[in-house]
């Protein structure tokens, strides 16, 4: 039955509570260089960039079916020695229709990268625990009176730099940056949707509201609204 339901946990995150529900693996596409003749037709072509067919883009989606998960345990960046696995992004969604879904994307078999002096190539997200239940869950906020939360999301990513040699083949990678966003969806019950940003335990991450809940007033429907915020991911230091 290996052709049905056999998934690959590229990031090694699956557990009895965090169940792998989808995975993918795709070769990093090569680039192409053409030489034209006197008529503008292609006289020669060369493909480069991943000629060893090693580097691959990978992604896994997990469902939190029970227990709890603190998102700060899923570090971004280079998390394993060669063949290096690089976690580029993580996205969490919760709603009143499904269990929390966690999607991690990145690359594997990249060129080994060196960290800056005194620092690591991993980045820690703010502390936020999710519960393995079918429910919309607050993210860095509290819900105002008179409205209800119907969904939420968190997305974070790091930037990856690639240095190529004269033949266009990658010889080194670097990881930096580290930013995140979060959002919440509300429905109005007795008063306009609202939220209050909560930075408890995460004062070093610059958690900020970027868009207050507005209003979507559909015909013959309860009014809804969405709010958005942002934060910074912190690079880990050498212990």
Protein backbone atom coordinates (compact mmCIF):
# COMPACT_ATOMS: atom_id res chain seq x y z
CA UNK A 1 0.00 0.00 0.00
CA UNK A 2 3.00 2.34 -0.36
CA UNK A 3 1.26 4.12 -3.25
CA UNK A 4 -1.67 5.09 -1.04
CA UNK A 5 -1.49 7.13 2.13
CA UNK A 6 2.26 6.69 2.61
CA UNK A 7 3.50 10.15 3.59
CA UNK A 8 7.04 11.38 4.29
CA UNK A 9 7.72 13.40 7.43
CA UNK A 10 10.47 15.57 5.94
CA UNK A 11 10.82 17.70 9.07
CA UNK A 12 10.50 15.00 11.71
CA UNK A 13 7.69 16.76 13.57
CA UNK A 14 4.97 14.09 13.63
CA UNK A 15 3.91 12.67 16.99
CA UNK A 16 0.95 10.93 18.56
CA UNK A 17 -0.78 14.33 18.80
CA UNK A 18 0.59 16.01 15.66
CA UNK A 19 -0.50 13.83 12.75
CA UNK A 20 1.02 14.12 9.28
CA UNK A 21 -1.82 14.53 6.76
CA UNK A 22 -0.02 15.71 3.61
CA UNK A 23 3.51 15.87 2.21
CA UNK A 24 5.22 16.87 -1.02
CA UNK A 25 8.71 16.80 -2.54
CA UNK A 26 9.70 18.56 -5.76
CA UNK A 27 13.05 19.00 -7.46
CA UNK A 28 14.32 22.58 -7.48
CA UNK A 29 13.88 23.67 -11.08
CA UNK A 30 17.02 24.28 -13.14
CA UNK A 31 17.70 27.44 -15.11
CA UNK A 32 18.38 27.54 -18.84
CA UNK A 33 20.89 29.50 -20.92
CA UNK A 34 20.60 29.69 -24.73
CA UNK A 35 23.00 30.78 -27.47
CA UNK A 36 21.42 32.09 -30.68
CA UNK A 37 22.72 31.83 -34.23
CA UNK A 38 22.65 34.50 -36.94
CA UNK A 39 18.92 33.91 -37.45
CA UNK A 40 18.04 34.19 -33.81
CA UNK A 41 17.44 30.46 -33.55
CA UNK A 42 18.76 28.47 -30.62
CA UNK A 43 22.13 26.96 -31.50
CA UNK A 44 23.02 25.58 -28.06
CA UNK A 45 21.44 25.27 -24.65
CA UNK A 46 22.75 24.57 -21.18
CA UNK A 47 20.77 23.79 -18.05
CA UNK A 48 22.22 24.71 -14.68
CA UNK A 49 21.38 25.42 -11.06
CA UNK A 50 20.61 21.92 -9.77
CA UNK A 51 22.37 19.60 -12.18
CA UNK A 52 23.02 17.05 -9.45
CA UNK A 53 19.25 16.79 -8.96
CA UNK A 54 19.78 16.89 -5.18
CA UNK A 55 18.05 20.05 -3.97
CA UNK A 56 14.35 19.62 -3.39
CA UNK A 57 11.49 21.77 -2.19
CA UNK A 58 9.57 20.02 0.57
CA UNK A 59 6.36 20.62 2.48
CA UNK A 60 4.38 18.85 5.20
CA UNK A 61 0.97 19.56 6.68
CA UNK A 62 0.15 18.29 10.15
CA UNK A 63 -3.13 18.23 12.07
CA UNK A 64 -3.12 18.74 15.83
CA UNK A 65 -5.72 16.16 16.86
CA UNK A 66 -5.15 16.19 20.62
CA UNK A 67 -2.91 17.60 23.33
CA UNK A 68 -1.21 20.96 22.89
CA UNK A 69 1.54 22.38 20.68
CA UNK A 70 3.61 25.49 21.39
CA UNK A 71 4.56 26.93 18.01
CA UNK A 72 7.94 28.10 19.36
CA UNK A 73 9.09 24.45 19.35
CA UNK A 74 9.04 24.51 15.53
CA UNK A 75 12.20 26.45 14.80
CA UNK A 76 12.82 27.95 11.38
CA UNK A 77 16.17 27.93 9.57
CA UNK A 78 18.75 25.18 9.09
CA UNK A 79 17.77 22.51 11.58
CA UNK A 80 19.91 19.50 10.60
CA UNK A 81 23.46 18.75 9.46
CA UNK A 82 24.19 17.62 5.91
CA UNK A 83 22.10 16.71 4.07
CA UNK A 84 20.79 19.99 5.37
CA UNK A 85 17.06 20.44 5.96
CA UNK A 86 15.96 24.05 5.86
CA UNK A 87 12.64 25.16 7.30
CA UNK A 88 11.70 28.30 5.41
CA UNK A 89 8.16 28.89 6.63
CA UNK A 90 5.44 27.71 8.95
CA UNK A 91 1.74 28.45 8.75
CA UNK A 92 -0.92 27.65 11.34
CA UNK A 93 -4.65 27.93 10.76
CA UNK A 94 -7.50 27.37 13.18
CA UNK A 95 -11.21 27.60 12.54
CA UNK A 96 -14.56 26.59 13.94
CA UNK A 97 -14.80 23.88 11.26
CA UNK A 98 -11.59 21.88 11.70
CA UNK A 99 -8.67 20.95 13.94
CA UNK A 100 -5.56 23.19 13.85
CA UNK A 101 -3.53 22.69 10.66
CA UNK A 102 0.24 23.32 10.66
CA UNK A 103 2.10 23.52 7.34
CA UNK A 104 5.91 23.64 7.24
CA UNK A 105 7.75 24.30 3.96
CA UNK A 106 11.41 24.42 3.03
CA UNK A 107 14.22 22.67 1.18
CA UNK A 108 16.49 19.71 1.68
CA UNK A 109 19.96 18.78 0.43
CA UNK A 110 21.00 22.42 0.23
CA UNK A 111 24.65 23.41 0.50
CA UNK A 112 25.76 23.47 4.13
CA UNK A 113 25.70 26.99 5.56
CA UNK A 114 27.81 28.64 8.23
CA UNK A 115 26.23 30.71 10.97
CA UNK A 116 27.42 34.19 11.97
CA UNK A 117 29.86 34.28 14.89
CA UNK A 118 28.14 33.54 18.17
CA UNK A 119 24.83 32.83 16.48
CA UNK A 120 22.95 29.86 15.07
CA UNK A 121 21.09 29.35 11.81
CA UNK A 122 17.81 28.73 13.65
CA UNK A 123 15.08 31.19 14.55
CA UNK A 124 12.58 30.92 17.42
CA UNK A 125 8.97 32.00 17.09
CA UNK A 126 6.99 33.66 19.87
CA UNK A 127 5.34 31.43 22.45
CA UNK A 128 1.81 30.42 21.49
CA UNK A 129 0.17 27.13 22.46
CA UNK A 130 -2.57 25.59 20.35
CA UNK A 131 -4.99 22.91 21.55
CA UNK A 132 -5.87 19.82 19.56
CA UNK A 133 -9.60 20.57 19.30
CA UNK A 134 -11.97 21.66 16.55
CA UNK A 135 -12.18 25.33 17.45
CA UNK A 136 -11.07 28.79 16.41
CA UNK A 137 -8.26 29.85 18.74
CA UNK A 138 -6.94 33.32 19.58
CA UNK A 139 -3.41 34.24 18.48
CA UNK A 140 -1.72 37.09 20.39
CA UNK A 141 -5.07 38.72 21.15
CA UNK A 142 -8.23 38.60 23.20
CA UNK A 143 -11.69 38.77 21.62
CA UNK A 144 -13.85 41.77 22.38
CA UNK A 145 -17.24 41.49 24.03
CA UNK A 146 -20.19 41.25 21.68
CA UNK A 147 -18.43 39.24 18.96
CA UNK A 148 -17.13 35.72 18.41
CA UNK A 149 -13.91 34.40 16.91
CA UNK A 150 -14.48 32.18 13.84
CA UNK A 151 -10.93 31.63 12.60
CA UNK A 152 -7.29 32.61 13.01
CA UNK A 153 -3.94 32.22 11.30
CA UNK A 154 -0.23 32.63 11.90
CA UNK A 155 2.47 32.69 9.22
CA UNK A 156 6.23 33.10 9.62
CA UNK A 157 9.21 32.78 7.31
CA UNK A 158 12.94 33.39 6.98
CA UNK A 159 14.83 34.61 3.92
CA UNK A 160 17.24 32.29 2.10
CA UNK A 161 20.20 33.60 0.09
CA UNK A 162 22.03 31.45 -2.46
CA UNK A 163 25.52 32.04 -3.84
CA UNK A 164 26.30 30.44 -7.21
CA UNK A 165 29.66 29.80 -8.83
CA UNK A 166 30.65 30.78 -12.36
CA UNK A 167 28.69 27.85 -13.78
CA UNK A 168 25.52 28.86 -11.97
CA UNK A 169 25.74 26.01 -9.47
CA UNK A 170 24.98 26.74 -5.81
CA UNK A 171 28.03 26.70 -3.55
CA UNK A 172 26.64 28.26 -0.37
CA UNK A 173 23.39 29.23 1.30
CA UNK A 174 22.56 31.71 4.02
CA UNK A 175 19.48 32.30 6.11
CA UNK A 176 18.41 35.59 7.68
CA UNK A 177 15.49 37.87 8.40
CA UNK A 178 12.62 36.25 10.19
CA UNK A 179 9.20 37.90 10.17
CA UNK A 180 5.68 36.78 10.88
CA UNK A 181 2.06 37.81 10.58
CA UNK A 182 -1.12 36.78 12.33
CA UNK A 183 -4.80 37.40 11.84
CA UNK A 184 -8.24 36.74 13.26
CA UNK A 185 -11.76 36.55 11.84
CA UNK A 186 -14.79 37.62 13.85
CA UNK A 187 -18.57 37.64 13.57
CA UNK A 188 -20.70 40.34 15.19
CA UNK A 189 -23.27 39.13 17.71
CA UNK A 190 -24.31 42.20 19.73
CA UNK A 191 -21.58 44.75 18.96
CA UNK A 192 -18.84 45.50 16.43
CA UNK A 193 -15.99 42.95 16.25
CA UNK A 194 -12.91 44.01 18.18
CA UNK A 195 -9.75 42.60 19.68
CA UNK A 196 -6.97 43.55 22.07
CA UNK A 197 -3.38 42.61 21.22
CA UNK A 198 -1.83 40.40 23.91
CA UNK A 199 1.99 40.32 24.17
CA UNK A 200 2.14 38.38 27.43
CA UNK A 201 5.37 36.38 27.53
CA UNK A 202 6.43 37.70 24.13
CA UNK A 203 7.53 41.28 24.76
CA UNK A 204 10.75 40.84 22.75
CA UNK A 205 9.00 39.96 19.48
CA UNK A 206 7.51 43.33 18.59
CA UNK A 207 3.97 41.97 18.29
CA UNK A 208 1.96 44.79 16.72
CA UNK A 209 -1.48 45.34 15.28
CA UNK A 210 -1.24 46.30 11.61
CA UNK A 211 -4.95 46.41 10.84
CA UNK A 212 -7.81 46.75 13.29
CA UNK A 213 -10.97 44.74 12.62
CA UNK A 214 -13.14 46.52 10.07
CA UNK A 215 -16.61 45.49 8.91
CA UNK A 216 -18.03 43.31 6.16
CA UNK A 217 -21.76 43.86 6.00
CA UNK A 218 -23.34 41.30 3.72
CA UNK A 219 -27.02 41.22 2.82
CA UNK A 220 -29.15 39.13 5.18
CA UNK A 221 -26.02 37.98 7.01
CA UNK A 222 -24.27 38.59 10.29
CA UNK A 223 -21.57 41.22 10.02
CA UNK A 224 -17.99 39.97 10.01
CA UNK A 225 -14.51 41.48 10.34
CA UNK A 226 -10.83 40.56 10.19
CA UNK A 227 -7.83 41.94 12.05
CA UNK A 228 -4.12 41.58 11.27
CA UNK A 229 -0.82 41.91 13.08
CA UNK A 230 2.91 41.29 12.67
CA UNK A 231 5.93 40.23 14.69
CA UNK A 232 9.67 39.53 14.36
CA UNK A 233 11.36 36.15 14.75
CA UNK A 234 14.48 36.03 16.90
CA UNK A 235 17.70 34.34 15.74
CA UNK A 236 19.09 31.86 18.28
CA UNK A 237 22.45 32.46 19.94
CA UNK A 238 25.12 29.89 20.70
CA UNK A 239 24.33 28.51 24.20
